[in-house]
Structure formats: structure tokens, C-alpha cells
Amino acid sequence: MDAPRPPIDESYWMATTPSTRYPAPDTDLTADVAVVGGGIAGLCTAWDLLRAGLDVVVLEADRIAAGVRACWLHPAKMTAAHGLMYARLEAERGADDAALYARSQQEAVERTVSLCAELGIDADLERAPALTYAQDPGRVGELEQEAAAARRAGLDASFVTDTDLPFDIAGAVRVEGQLQFHPRKFLLALAEHFTSSGGRIFERARVTGLHDGHRCRLTTESGTTVESRDAVIATHYPVFDRSLLFTLLKPRRELVVAAPVPSDAAPRGMYLTPEGGVRSLRGAPYDDGRRLLIVTGESFEPGTADVRERLERLTQWAGAQLPHFAEADIRYRWAAQDNDSVDHLPYVGHAHPGTQHVYVATGFGGWGMSNGVMAGRLLTAHVAGGPRPPWTELYDPRRLPPVRDAARLAAHQAAVAKHFVGDRLHTTHVDSVRDIPLGSGAVVRLDGRRCAVHRDESGQVSALSARCTHLGCLVHFNNAEQAWECPCHGSRFATDGSVLHGPATRPLPPREVPESTEPTEP
């Protein structure tokens, strides 16, 4: 009999680092700056602000550097090579903006290396080239254009046809001098230096309210408040959004599988291909001289896919393309979530035109490692004063979407409207609670109301409101991660209704399950 596969939320980064136990706030607080979110953007921003001489408090809804069970720090590539980014950026915004983007991202890579050296952080840093490849000969011209654009932007980029992959390719864009590392080792060490230097971190401190005035006042789920001159919202997806950034962001999840292989069987480069629903490969140090081969792919919008089927497809692809992976024991499976902006650039800066004290960092498009570090420096320049980086305007959240992006924006809003309105036109997602398989969930109409109903492996039934507490879209069940997901803006909830991932800040309310589990028709 095959050994049981690990749960999908078993992340290598989490499994190989200790848990954290920072306190929850039990009294009202004051600070110069409150940073909401304890991921890479939040912690790097907090550290840079503290070094600038400010009193900083970090408020994390769950545990720091844990992704709020949302991204688990993905495959952790710290690179300025972001797929086929530079040819598109140069064509849409010009060579100067492409060069600014490359400088900001490569500076983040070098900043990470220098921080680890300065603070004595052992984060398994490895210099490695980043390669974007294709197997389709018809894409060679596209890759050659990208290599040329990346060189013009200032990166050490070239077009190559030889790699250390165990299969043939048509060509690849190779960018030298990039970095792969253990992100949670880096962030936990950074957090320790932050607190030992006078910074404060609070966990289980979900922020549910924000008053934006001459001073900011944040309210936590427990009722405590934090008053600060400035507030930074680094929650992956903005949980407070007067600028309506959620209309410009599209959530995306990807799946990750990882298995130990012989050291010489894992590629030394970091690989990405846009083909086949996107595939990403990298290795990481493992025990007994082996390497952990990490495979990422199967991009999908939350609440719109059969995740078990996609996970199996990714596993089969890895086994077919990587012979040693097919023979290995898959040790880790997890999922990642990020947000794509309409124009493919992050939003880092003032949250909206009417504020002088609230800042945001979001829309990293799957490249949160370099963008999180970049955001720390940029936001510190905003808050602490002093010279601002030359790429400040490039990432300004107050920028207007270019006219050329109107079609993308319209398509995104049409998809949201389809879920918001169209899902309500269906009588139900299944006809009866009895139709829900054990260990799964579905939306069922109970006593005239749509309910998110879950049946655990023992057959125990629980029900919640099926309306996302963000804007009211109907949630869908993720059958691999055992979670409710909103297809409109990516909020995620546990089967008990608690919030796993924003922009929602309130749980799904419980609903009574009638003695008869047959639904009533409207």
C-alpha cells in the first residue's frame, strides 16, 4: 500500500523552522508607525523604519512569516528576472521604466545578501542564475527579445539553449547573479533582530478597523487599539481600501510539490516557463547531501478550480519531466497566493490620494520576495523622509491605469461581476447536503438561505453563511486545502468560518443545520 500523501498545507519552509510565540496585544498601544502584516513586506518595512529611528509596532493576524496559511512563502526565488517582463514593460512604458524596474529588483537581491552578512543570518543563501525557458521552438523569437530587453534594462541577461535541465528546450533567457534562499529562516532572524533592537511584534492581532486622520487609529479583533502617526498595510491584499485597489487586483493561487532527490539530479539554476499553465523549478539544500526539488505551477483563481485535480496534474508533470522526481517520495505540498495588478507593477506608496499617513504594499504578481524587500526601502523613504528612490512614481498606487490596460481591467471586472451576480442565479451548487462527499463542502440552500456546508470525514455537518464578508460574493470549496474561497477577491476561510486570508476581516457567520438536511426550495 502506498504511504499516505502529506497534507497540501505542509510547506517545507514552515516544517523546517520553529513556530513563533509573540504575544497578542492586551492593552492599547502607541507608536510612530504601525505595520499591519508580518510577511516579507511587513517585516522588511518594519526593520528599515526601525533603523531610521522610528518606534515601530507590527500587527500580524496569525503568526509572522507564516503567510496566514495563504502563501507559505512560495518557492522563494529572490530575483530580478520576472518571466517575460522586460520586453513587455519596455514596449508599454518605455526603456527608462524598464531600467528602473530592473534596478529596484536587483537592488532588493543585493540588499538581502548584505542584510544576511550584516546580521549574521544563516538563510541558506545560494547565488544562482534565473532562467525563463520554452520548449516550443515557436517562442524562440519571444525569448530572444526578452533577453535583449533585460540587457538594455541593466541585467546580466543572455539567450541560451543549453541548461542543466533533464529535458530539451528550445531556448531560455538566462539572468546571472540571482538568489535562492530559505525565506522563513531569513524573516525569523530579522524579526529577532527587530525586537532585540526595540521593535514590537504582536501576533493573533487581526486588525479590523482603521481610522485615517491626522493620526491613525487601528482596532484589533480583540478590541485593543493602536494609535500611530503612520500606518503601513502590508497584508498581501489590502484589508482597508478606500482607493478601491481591489478593483485593480486579480488574486491567483499556485500549487507546490517538493521531493528530495540526489544532489546531482536537482538543477542549480532557478527555472520558469510560461508554458503549460506556468511551471517553476528550483532546488534547495536538504539532509544527507540531497537536494529538495521544488516544483510550482497550475495557476488558478481562488474558488474556481478542482484543486485536487490540478495538484495531481502538477505531480504527474513533474514525474514525467524529472525522472528522479518520479522515483522520489513527495514530502511537501502547499499552495501559494498572490495578486496581479492590471499593469503588472506592484502598488507601493500612499494608499490613496486623500491620505498622507496610510501606505500600502501589494500586487507583487508572484514575485513577493524581491518586491517585499524593495517595498521596505521605498516605504521607509516615504515615512521617514529623505531622498526617495528613483522608482517611487513607478510603483505609486495612485497612478491611473493606462488606457491600453482598459481591456484587462474590463475583463477582470466582468469576471468579478459574473461571480457576484451569476453565482446567485443558480439555485444551489448541489441539490442536497447528502450529495456532499465526506471530507468536502458545497453551497446548499437550507431554509431558504444559501449556506456553505462542510461534511468532515466522520460525516459531521457544519454550516456557515455562504456570503463572503468582504463584499458578499458566494464562496466556493477548495477540496484539496479544505477551505472556503471567494472567487471575486480571493478571501479565504477555514471550515469553522475563521478568516485565513483577506481582504475579508470578519469570519463567515455560523448557520443552523436543520434536522432534515434536505434543502428547501425558494
Protein backbone atom coordinates (compact mmCIF):
# COMPACT_ATOMS: atom_id res chain seq x y z
CA MET A 1 0.00 0.00 0.00
CA ASP A 2 1.29 3.46 -0.88
CA ALA A 3 2.21 5.71 2.05
CA PRO A 4 -0.37 8.45 2.67
CA ARG A 5 0.49 11.69 0.98
CA PRO A 6 1.21 14.71 3.16
CA PRO A 7 -1.46 17.39 3.51
CA ILE A 8 -1.37 20.19 0.99
CA ASP A 9 -0.53 22.75 3.67
CA GLU A 10 2.77 21.07 4.59
CA SER A 11 5.26 23.72 3.50
CA TYR A 12 8.96 22.96 3.55
CA TRP A 13 9.72 26.45 4.83
CA MET A 14 7.31 26.03 7.75
CA ALA A 15 8.27 22.43 8.54
CA THR A 16 11.98 23.25 8.87
CA THR A 17 11.72 26.30 11.14
CA PRO A 18 10.34 26.78 14.65
CA SER A 19 6.94 28.25 15.39
CA THR A 20 6.72 31.72 16.87
CA ARG A 21 5.04 32.86 20.08
CA TYR A 22 4.94 36.63 20.07
CA PRO A 23 2.24 37.98 22.41
CA ALA A 24 -1.21 39.19 21.47
CA PRO A 25 -1.95 42.80 22.44
CA ASP A 26 -3.74 43.05 25.77
CA THR A 27 -3.74 46.84 26.10
CA ASP A 28 -3.91 49.92 23.90
CA LEU A 29 -0.65 50.88 22.20
CA THR A 30 1.04 53.90 20.65
CA ALA A 31 3.85 54.02 18.10
CA ASP A 32 5.32 56.19 15.38
CA VAL A 33 4.35 53.60 12.78
CA ALA A 34 2.03 50.59 12.85
CA VAL A 35 2.80 47.92 10.26
CA VAL A 36 -0.13 45.60 9.55
CA GLY A 37 1.13 42.26 8.28
CA GLY A 38 4.10 40.13 9.33
CA GLY A 39 5.20 38.78 5.97
CA ILE A 40 8.29 39.76 4.00
CA ALA A 41 6.98 43.20 3.02
CA GLY A 42 5.81 43.99 6.54
CA LEU A 43 8.91 42.76 8.37
CA CYS A 44 11.37 44.34 5.94
CA THR A 45 9.49 47.64 6.15
CA ALA A 46 9.40 47.44 9.95
CA TRP A 47 13.14 46.76 10.10
CA ASP A 48 14.03 49.64 7.78
CA LEU A 49 11.76 52.03 9.69
CA LEU A 50 13.30 50.98 12.99
CA ARG A 51 16.80 51.56 11.58
CA ALA A 52 15.61 55.02 10.54
CA GLY A 53 14.98 55.79 14.21
CA LEU A 54 11.21 55.29 14.43
CA ASP A 55 9.17 53.45 17.06
CA VAL A 56 7.51 50.61 15.15
CA VAL A 57 4.89 48.03 16.05
CA VAL A 58 4.00 45.03 13.83
CA LEU A 59 0.48 43.58 13.99
CA GLU A 60 0.05 40.10 12.49
CA ALA A 61 -3.32 38.37 12.23
CA ASP A 62 -1.84 34.89 12.73
CA ARG A 63 1.87 34.06 13.07
CA ILE A 64 4.64 36.10 11.43
CA ALA A 65 6.33 34.73 8.32
CA ALA A 66 3.62 32.11 8.04
CA GLY A 67 1.64 33.59 5.17
CA VAL A 68 -1.59 33.42 7.19
CA ARG A 69 -1.95 29.95 5.67
CA ALA A 70 -2.12 31.71 2.33
CA CYS A 71 1.21 31.59 0.54
CA TRP A 72 3.71 29.77 2.79
CA LEU A 73 6.41 31.85 1.13
CA HIS A 74 6.07 30.14 -2.26
CA PRO A 75 9.23 28.69 -3.90
CA ALA A 76 11.34 31.61 -2.54
CA LYS A 77 13.24 32.93 -5.53
CA MET A 78 14.87 36.29 -4.89
CA THR A 79 15.37 37.52 -8.41
CA ALA A 80 15.02 40.48 -10.75
CA ALA A 81 14.15 38.09 -13.60
CA HIS A 82 10.36 38.00 -13.58
CA GLY A 83 9.46 35.83 -16.52
CA LEU A 84 8.87 37.69 -19.77
CA MET A 85 8.61 41.04 -18.00
CA TYR A 86 11.12 43.35 -19.62
CA ALA A 87 10.11 43.20 -23.27
CA ARG A 88 6.51 43.91 -22.26
CA LEU A 89 7.48 46.66 -19.82
CA GLU A 90 9.73 48.33 -22.37
CA ALA A 91 7.01 48.19 -25.03
CA GLU A 92 4.29 49.51 -22.72
CA ARG A 93 6.17 52.04 -20.57
CA GLY A 94 9.48 52.66 -22.28
CA ALA A 95 13.11 51.74 -21.72
CA ASP A 96 13.59 54.11 -18.76
CA ASP A 97 10.84 52.49 -16.69
CA ALA A 98 12.10 49.03 -17.59
CA ALA A 99 15.54 50.03 -16.33
CA LEU A 100 14.08 51.45 -13.11
CA TYR A 101 12.18 48.22 -12.51
CA ALA A 102 15.34 46.15 -13.04
CA ARG A 103 17.40 48.39 -10.72
CA SER A 104 14.80 48.24 -7.95
CA GLN A 105 14.55 44.45 -8.14
CA GLN A 106 18.28 43.75 -8.38
CA GLU A 107 18.90 46.14 -5.50
CA ALA A 108 16.49 44.04 -3.42
CA VAL A 109 18.53 40.93 -4.23
CA GLU A 110 21.74 42.60 -3.11
CA ARG A 111 20.04 44.12 -0.07
CA THR A 112 19.06 40.63 1.10
CA VAL A 113 22.64 39.39 0.75
CA SER A 114 24.04 42.38 2.64
CA LEU A 115 21.45 42.07 5.44
CA CYS A 116 22.34 38.42 5.97
CA ALA A 117 26.03 39.31 6.12
CA GLU A 118 25.50 42.31 8.41
CA LEU A 119 23.22 40.50 10.87
CA GLY A 120 24.84 37.08 10.67
CA ILE A 121 21.70 35.40 9.31
CA ASP A 122 22.06 31.84 8.02
CA ALA A 123 19.28 31.60 5.44
CA ASP A 124 20.78 29.01 3.06
CA LEU A 125 21.72 31.73 0.55
CA GLU A 126 22.81 30.42 -2.84
CA ARG A 127 23.71 32.51 -5.86
CA ALA A 128 22.13 31.02 -8.97
CA PRO A 129 21.08 32.10 -12.45
CA ALA A 130 17.39 32.59 -13.17
CA LEU A 131 16.19 31.14 -16.47
CA THR A 132 12.90 31.56 -18.31
CA TYR A 133 12.64 28.76 -20.87
CA ALA A 134 10.35 27.38 -23.54
CA GLN A 135 10.20 24.00 -25.23
CA ASP A 136 8.16 25.30 -28.16
CA PRO A 137 10.51 26.42 -30.98
CA GLY A 138 7.86 28.96 -31.97
CA ARG A 139 8.69 31.00 -28.84
CA VAL A 140 12.41 31.41 -29.51
CA GLY A 141 11.94 34.89 -31.00
CA GLU A 142 9.99 35.95 -27.91
CA LEU A 143 12.80 34.72 -25.65
CA GLU A 144 15.47 36.48 -27.71
CA GLN A 145 13.52 39.73 -27.47
CA GLU A 146 13.19 39.32 -23.71
CA ALA A 147 16.93 38.70 -23.30
CA ALA A 148 17.73 41.83 -25.29
CA ALA A 149 15.23 43.93 -23.32
CA ALA A 150 16.58 42.64 -19.99
CA ARG A 151 20.14 43.55 -21.07
CA ARG A 152 19.01 47.04 -22.05
CA ALA A 153 17.38 47.33 -18.61
CA GLY A 154 20.75 46.66 -17.00
CA LEU A 155 20.59 42.97 -16.10
CA ASP A 156 23.29 40.44 -16.95
CA ALA A 157 21.00 38.59 -19.37
CA SER A 158 21.59 36.36 -22.38
CA PHE A 159 19.74 33.96 -24.66
CA VAL A 160 20.92 30.35 -24.24
CA THR A 161 19.96 26.91 -25.48
CA ASP A 162 21.97 24.80 -23.00
CA THR A 163 20.76 24.26 -19.42
CA ASP A 164 21.13 21.69 -16.66
CA LEU A 165 17.50 20.60 -17.03
CA PRO A 166 16.99 16.87 -17.72
CA PHE A 167 14.96 17.60 -20.87
CA ASP A 168 15.43 19.51 -24.10
CA ILE A 169 14.37 23.12 -24.51
CA ALA A 170 14.13 25.43 -27.49
CA GLY A 171 15.79 28.30 -25.64
CA ALA A 172 15.92 30.33 -22.45
CA VAL A 173 16.61 33.79 -21.08
CA ARG A 174 19.40 33.47 -18.52
CA VAL A 175 19.97 36.21 -15.91
CA GLU A 176 23.09 35.91 -13.76
CA GLY A 177 23.65 36.91 -10.16
CA GLN A 178 20.28 35.98 -8.67
CA LEU A 179 19.49 34.39 -5.33
CA GLN A 180 17.61 31.49 -3.77
CA PHE A 181 17.29 31.13 -0.03
CA HIS A 182 15.20 29.91 2.90
CA PRO A 183 12.81 32.85 3.36
CA ARG A 184 11.47 31.88 6.77
CA LYS A 185 14.94 31.48 8.27
CA PHE A 186 15.68 34.97 6.96
CA LEU A 187 12.47 36.51 8.29
CA LEU A 188 12.52 34.87 11.73
CA ALA A 189 16.09 36.05 12.26
CA LEU A 190 15.16 39.53 11.03
CA ALA A 191 12.23 39.57 13.49
CA GLU A 192 14.55 38.64 16.36
CA HIS A 193 16.92 41.48 15.47
CA PHE A 194 13.93 43.81 15.17
CA THR A 195 12.59 43.04 18.64
CA SER A 196 16.02 42.99 20.30
CA SER A 197 16.57 46.47 18.86
CA GLY A 198 13.39 47.85 20.38
CA GLY A 199 10.70 46.95 17.85
CA ARG A 200 7.47 45.30 18.97
CA ILE A 201 5.67 42.37 17.30
CA PHE A 202 2.18 41.20 18.20
CA GLU A 203 0.63 38.01 16.81
CA ARG A 204 -3.02 36.94 16.76
CA ALA A 205 -3.71 40.66 16.38
CA ARG A 206 -6.03 40.84 13.37
CA VAL A 207 -6.75 44.49 12.54
CA THR A 208 -10.43 45.04 11.78
CA GLY A 209 -10.68 48.82 11.75
CA LEU A 210 -8.61 51.80 10.59
CA HIS A 211 -9.30 55.47 11.23
CA ASP A 212 -7.26 57.56 8.81
CA GLY A 213 -6.83 61.13 10.03
CA HIS A 214 -4.13 63.42 11.38
CA ARG A 215 -3.15 60.31 13.33
CA CYS A 216 -4.08 56.72 12.56
CA ARG A 217 -6.10 54.58 14.93
CA LEU A 218 -6.22 50.82 14.32
CA THR A 219 -8.63 48.48 16.09
CA THR A 220 -7.84 44.81 16.57
CA GLU A 221 -10.20 41.85 16.71
CA SER A 222 -9.81 41.71 20.50
CA GLY A 223 -10.86 45.35 20.88
CA THR A 224 -7.44 46.84 21.64
CA THR A 225 -6.33 49.89 19.68
CA VAL A 226 -3.05 51.13 18.27
CA GLU A 227 -2.54 54.86 17.70
CA SER A 228 0.25 55.90 15.37
CA ARG A 229 1.32 58.74 13.16
CA ASP A 230 1.52 56.45 10.13
CA ALA A 231 0.20 53.03 9.16
CA VAL A 232 1.53 50.56 6.59
CA ILE A 233 -0.91 47.97 5.21
CA ALA A 234 1.22 45.01 4.11
CA THR A 235 -1.45 42.31 4.25
CA HIS A 236 -0.88 40.77 0.83
CA TYR A 237 -4.31 42.04 -0.26
CA PRO A 238 -5.28 45.45 1.20
CA VAL A 239 -7.78 44.89 4.00
CA PHE A 240 -8.58 48.62 4.09
CA ASP A 241 -9.00 50.02 0.63
CA ARG A 242 -10.53 53.46 0.15
CA SER A 243 -8.65 53.69 -3.12
CA LEU A 244 -10.56 50.60 -4.36
CA LEU A 245 -7.35 48.80 -5.27
CA PHE A 246 -9.32 45.56 -5.15
CA THR A 247 -10.82 46.61 -8.49
CA LEU A 248 -7.28 46.60 -9.94
CA LEU A 249 -6.03 43.37 -8.37
CA LYS A 250 -6.62 39.82 -9.51
CA PRO A 251 -5.90 37.04 -6.97
CA ARG A 252 -4.07 33.94 -8.16
CA ARG A 253 -3.10 30.68 -6.45
CA GLU A 254 -0.44 28.20 -7.43
CA LEU A 255 0.42 24.75 -6.16
CA VAL A 256 3.79 23.48 -4.99
CA VAL A 257 5.15 19.94 -4.62
CA ALA A 258 8.62 19.11 -3.32
CA ALA A 259 10.66 15.92 -3.01
CA PRO A 260 14.28 15.09 -2.05
CA VAL A 261 16.44 13.88 -4.92
CA PRO A 262 20.15 13.08 -5.33
CA SER A 263 22.22 16.24 -5.27
CA ASP A 264 23.27 15.94 -8.91
CA ALA A 265 19.64 15.42 -10.02
CA ALA A 266 18.42 18.88 -8.98
CA PRO A 267 19.06 21.80 -11.32
CA ARG A 268 21.35 24.51 -9.95
CA GLY A 269 19.52 27.24 -11.78
CA MET A 270 16.07 28.62 -10.99
CA TYR A 271 13.72 27.82 -13.86
CA LEU A 272 10.38 29.19 -15.05
CA THR A 273 8.31 28.53 -18.14
CA PRO A 274 5.07 30.23 -19.22
CA GLU A 275 4.04 27.04 -20.97
CA GLY A 276 1.53 24.54 -19.63
CA GLY A 277 -0.12 26.79 -17.07
CA VAL A 278 3.28 28.02 -15.79
CA ARG A 279 5.90 25.75 -14.28
CA SER A 280 8.71 26.73 -11.90
CA LEU A 281 11.67 24.63 -10.69
CA ARG A 282 14.40 25.17 -8.11
CA GLY A 283 16.49 23.16 -5.69
CA ALA A 284 17.19 23.72 -2.01
CA PRO A 285 19.66 22.20 0.48
CA TYR A 286 18.35 19.06 2.17
CA ASP A 287 19.70 16.39 4.51
CA ASP A 288 22.14 13.55 3.71
CA GLY A 289 23.69 15.53 0.88
CA ARG A 290 20.48 15.51 -1.11
CA ARG A 291 18.64 18.45 -2.64
CA LEU A 292 14.95 19.25 -2.34
CA LEU A 293 13.45 19.69 -5.79
CA ILE A 294 10.61 22.23 -5.63
CA VAL A 295 8.07 22.32 -8.47
CA THR A 296 5.42 25.04 -8.75
CA GLY A 297 2.56 25.55 -11.20
CA GLU A 298 -1.11 25.14 -12.09
CA SER A 299 -2.05 28.79 -11.63
CA PHE A 300 -5.76 29.35 -10.93
CA GLU A 301 -8.10 31.91 -9.42
CA PRO A 302 -9.29 31.06 -5.88
CA GLY A 303 -12.70 29.41 -5.82
CA THR A 304 -12.70 28.45 -9.49
CA ALA A 305 -10.89 25.12 -9.80
CA ASP A 306 -10.86 21.47 -8.80
CA VAL A 307 -7.66 21.84 -6.79
CA ARG A 308 -7.13 18.12 -6.22
CA GLU A 309 -7.20 17.57 -9.97
CA ARG A 310 -4.71 20.39 -10.53
CA LEU A 311 -2.42 19.06 -7.82
CA GLU A 312 -2.42 15.65 -9.45
CA ARG A 313 -1.69 17.23 -12.86
CA LEU A 314 1.31 19.11 -11.46
CA THR A 315 2.61 15.96 -9.78
CA GLN A 316 2.26 13.96 -13.00
CA TRP A 317 4.07 16.66 -15.00
CA ALA A 318 6.95 16.68 -12.51
CA GLY A 319 7.22 12.90 -12.65
CA ALA A 320 7.19 12.85 -16.45
CA GLN A 321 9.74 15.65 -16.93
CA LEU A 322 12.02 14.95 -13.98
CA PRO A 323 12.92 11.25 -13.77
CA HIS A 324 14.32 11.39 -10.23
CA PHE A 325 11.22 13.22 -9.04
CA ALA A 326 9.06 10.35 -10.29
CA GLU A 327 11.03 7.95 -8.08
CA ALA A 328 11.13 10.24 -5.04
CA ASP A 329 8.91 10.44 -2.00
CA ILE A 330 6.94 13.69 -2.16
CA ARG A 331 7.47 15.20 1.27
CA TYR A 332 5.78 18.57 0.95
CA ARG A 333 2.75 20.00 -0.79
CA TRP A 334 1.50 23.52 -0.34
CA ALA A 335 -0.22 26.38 -2.12
CA ALA A 336 0.70 29.99 -2.75
CA GLN A 337 -1.43 33.06 -3.37
CA ASP A 338 -0.58 36.47 -4.75
CA ASN A 339 -2.26 39.31 -6.61
CA ASP A 340 -1.64 40.51 -10.15
CA SER A 341 -2.09 44.21 -10.87
CA VAL A 342 -3.69 45.40 -14.08
CA ASP A 343 -0.41 46.84 -15.41
CA HIS A 344 1.82 44.10 -13.90
CA LEU A 345 3.54 46.53 -11.49
CA PRO A 346 3.18 46.48 -7.70
CA TYR A 347 1.42 49.19 -5.72
CA VAL A 348 3.78 50.58 -3.07
CA GLY A 349 3.23 54.01 -1.53
CA HIS A 350 0.34 56.20 -0.38
CA ALA A 351 -2.80 54.08 -0.22
CA HIS A 352 -5.00 56.69 -1.91
CA PRO A 353 -4.87 60.35 -2.98
CA GLY A 354 -6.64 61.58 0.16
CA THR A 355 -4.16 60.21 2.71
CA GLN A 356 -0.82 61.42 3.98
CA HIS A 357 -0.38 58.74 6.62
CA VAL A 358 -1.61 55.38 5.28
CA TYR A 359 0.61 53.36 2.95
CA VAL A 360 0.18 50.07 1.13
CA ALA A 361 2.33 47.36 -0.45
CA THR A 362 0.51 44.88 -2.71
CA GLY A 363 0.18 43.49 -6.24
CA PHE A 364 3.51 41.65 -6.31
CA GLY A 365 2.40 39.33 -9.11
CA GLY A 366 4.11 36.22 -7.73
CA TRP A 367 7.41 37.99 -7.07
CA GLY A 368 6.93 38.83 -3.40
CA MET A 369 10.49 38.07 -2.32
CA SER A 370 12.21 40.87 -4.22
CA ASN A 371 9.20 43.17 -4.12
CA GLY A 372 8.83 42.76 -0.36
CA VAL A 373 12.41 43.88 0.22
CA MET A 374 12.01 46.67 -2.33
CA ALA A 375 8.86 47.86 -0.57
CA GLY A 376 10.72 48.16 2.74
CA ARG A 377 13.16 50.71 1.38
CA LEU A 378 10.54 52.61 -0.62
CA LEU A 379 8.02 52.90 2.22
CA THR A 380 10.74 53.94 4.67
CA ALA A 381 11.67 56.78 2.34
CA HIS A 382 8.01 57.87 2.32
CA VAL A 383 7.50 57.65 6.08
CA ALA A 384 10.88 58.67 7.48
CA GLY A 385 11.68 61.30 4.88
CA GLY A 386 14.91 61.79 2.99
CA PRO A 387 15.73 61.02 -0.64
CA ARG A 388 13.22 58.76 -2.36
CA PRO A 389 14.29 56.03 -4.78
CA PRO A 390 14.07 56.97 -8.47
CA TRP A 391 11.39 54.29 -8.95
CA THR A 392 8.96 55.90 -6.49
CA GLU A 393 6.49 57.02 -9.17
CA LEU A 394 6.74 53.70 -10.99
CA TYR A 395 5.09 51.93 -8.04
CA ASP A 396 2.78 54.74 -6.85
CA PRO A 397 -0.66 53.21 -6.00
CA ARG A 398 -2.30 56.50 -7.03
CA ARG A 399 -1.25 56.07 -10.67
CA LEU A 400 -4.07 55.83 -13.17
CA PRO A 401 -4.42 52.61 -15.18
CA PRO A 402 -3.07 53.24 -18.69
CA VAL A 403 -5.63 53.39 -21.46
CA ARG A 404 -4.02 50.34 -23.05
CA ASP A 405 -4.92 48.34 -19.93
CA ALA A 406 -8.64 49.16 -20.21
CA ALA A 407 -9.37 45.79 -21.80
CA ARG A 408 -7.58 43.91 -18.98
CA LEU A 409 -9.40 45.96 -16.36
CA ALA A 410 -12.76 45.39 -18.04
CA ALA A 411 -12.14 41.65 -18.30
CA HIS A 412 -11.23 41.46 -14.62
CA GLN A 413 -14.32 43.38 -13.55
CA ALA A 414 -16.51 41.27 -15.83
CA ALA A 415 -15.19 38.12 -14.15
CA VAL A 416 -15.96 39.56 -10.71
CA ALA A 417 -19.44 40.59 -11.84
CA LYS A 418 -20.03 37.11 -13.23
CA HIS A 419 -19.37 35.59 -9.82
CA PHE A 420 -21.14 38.32 -7.87
CA VAL A 421 -24.32 38.14 -9.94
CA GLY A 422 -24.12 34.87 -11.82
CA ASP A 423 -23.49 32.65 -8.81
CA ARG A 424 -26.70 33.93 -7.26
CA LEU A 425 -28.73 32.89 -10.30
CA HIS A 426 -28.01 29.25 -9.56
CA THR A 427 -30.46 27.70 -7.15
CA THR A 428 -27.62 25.87 -5.39
CA HIS A 429 -24.20 24.34 -6.01
CA VAL A 430 -25.53 20.89 -5.06
CA ASP A 431 -29.10 19.67 -4.54
CA SER A 432 -28.71 18.27 -1.03
CA VAL A 433 -26.35 18.04 1.92
CA ARG A 434 -26.44 14.29 1.32
CA ASP A 435 -24.80 14.90 -2.07
CA ILE A 436 -21.67 16.33 -0.43
CA PRO A 437 -18.89 13.70 -0.24
CA LEU A 438 -17.21 13.08 3.09
CA GLY A 439 -14.34 15.49 3.64
CA SER A 440 -15.75 18.03 1.22
CA GLY A 441 -18.08 21.02 1.08
CA ALA A 442 -20.57 22.79 -1.16
CA VAL A 443 -23.08 25.62 -1.18
CA VAL A 444 -26.57 24.33 -0.35
CA ARG A 445 -29.85 26.14 0.19
CA LEU A 446 -31.07 25.48 3.74
CA ASP A 447 -34.31 27.02 4.96
CA GLY A 448 -34.23 29.40 2.02
CA ARG A 449 -30.67 30.63 2.61
CA ARG A 450 -27.51 29.70 0.75
CA CYS A 451 -25.15 28.07 3.21
CA ALA A 452 -21.56 26.88 2.93
CA VAL A 453 -21.91 23.32 4.21
CA HIS A 454 -18.99 21.08 5.13
CA ARG A 455 -19.06 17.34 5.86
CA ASP A 456 -15.98 16.09 7.66
CA GLU A 457 -14.57 12.58 7.26
CA SER A 458 -16.86 11.26 10.00
CA GLY A 459 -19.96 12.72 8.34
CA GLN A 460 -20.39 15.58 10.84
CA VAL A 461 -22.10 18.51 9.12
CA SER A 462 -21.43 22.20 9.81
CA ALA A 463 -22.85 25.21 8.03
CA LEU A 464 -21.81 28.84 7.54
CA SER A 465 -23.13 31.80 5.63
CA ALA A 466 -22.04 31.39 2.01
CA ARG A 467 -21.58 35.14 1.52
CA CYS A 468 -18.02 36.43 1.77
CA THR A 469 -17.84 39.07 4.48
CA HIS A 470 -15.80 41.34 2.21
CA LEU A 471 -18.35 42.27 -0.46
CA GLY A 472 -20.83 39.41 -0.41
CA CYS A 473 -19.77 37.10 -3.24
CA LEU A 474 -20.63 33.43 -2.76
CA VAL A 475 -17.74 31.30 -1.56
CA HIS A 476 -16.63 28.01 -3.14
CA PHE A 477 -14.97 25.00 -1.50
CA ASN A 478 -11.30 24.16 -2.14
CA ASN A 479 -11.34 20.37 -1.90
CA ALA A 480 -7.58 19.95 -1.52
CA GLU A 481 -6.96 22.59 1.15
CA GLN A 482 -10.28 22.15 2.97
CA ALA A 483 -11.10 25.86 2.85
CA TRP A 484 -13.79 28.21 1.58
CA GLU A 485 -12.61 30.67 -1.07
CA CYS A 486 -14.13 33.80 -2.55
CA PRO A 487 -13.72 33.84 -6.36
CA CYS A 488 -14.18 37.64 -6.51
CA HIS A 489 -11.25 38.97 -4.47
CA GLY A 490 -9.51 35.92 -3.00
CA SER A 491 -10.64 35.93 0.64
CA ARG A 492 -10.27 32.51 2.26
CA PHE A 493 -11.97 30.97 5.29
CA ALA A 494 -11.44 27.82 7.37
CA THR A 495 -14.25 25.30 7.69
CA ASP A 496 -15.16 26.89 11.03
CA GLY A 497 -15.58 30.25 9.28
CA SER A 498 -12.45 31.94 10.61
CA VAL A 499 -10.54 34.19 8.21
CA LEU A 500 -7.45 32.66 6.64
CA HIS A 501 -6.75 35.38 4.10
CA GLY A 502 -8.07 38.87 3.38
CA PRO A 503 -9.36 41.22 2.20
CA ALA A 504 -12.15 39.91 4.47
CA THR A 505 -11.55 40.73 8.15
CA ARG A 506 -14.70 39.12 9.62
CA PRO A 507 -15.46 35.38 9.80
CA LEU A 508 -18.31 33.67 7.98
CA PRO A 509 -21.24 33.57 10.44
CA PRO A 510 -22.44 30.10 11.51
CA ARG A 511 -25.78 28.76 10.34
CA GLU A 512 -28.06 26.18 11.90
CA VAL A 513 -28.33 22.84 10.14
CA PRO A 514 -31.97 21.67 10.10
CA GLU A 515 -32.71 18.20 11.40
CA SER A 516 -33.67 17.33 7.86
CA THR A 517 -30.66 18.05 5.68
CA GLU A 518 -32.79 18.25 2.54
CA PRO A 519 -32.80 21.85 1.22
CA THR A 520 -35.99 23.82 0.89
CA GLU A 521 -36.72 25.36 -2.48
CA PRO A 522 -37.32 29.12 -2.70
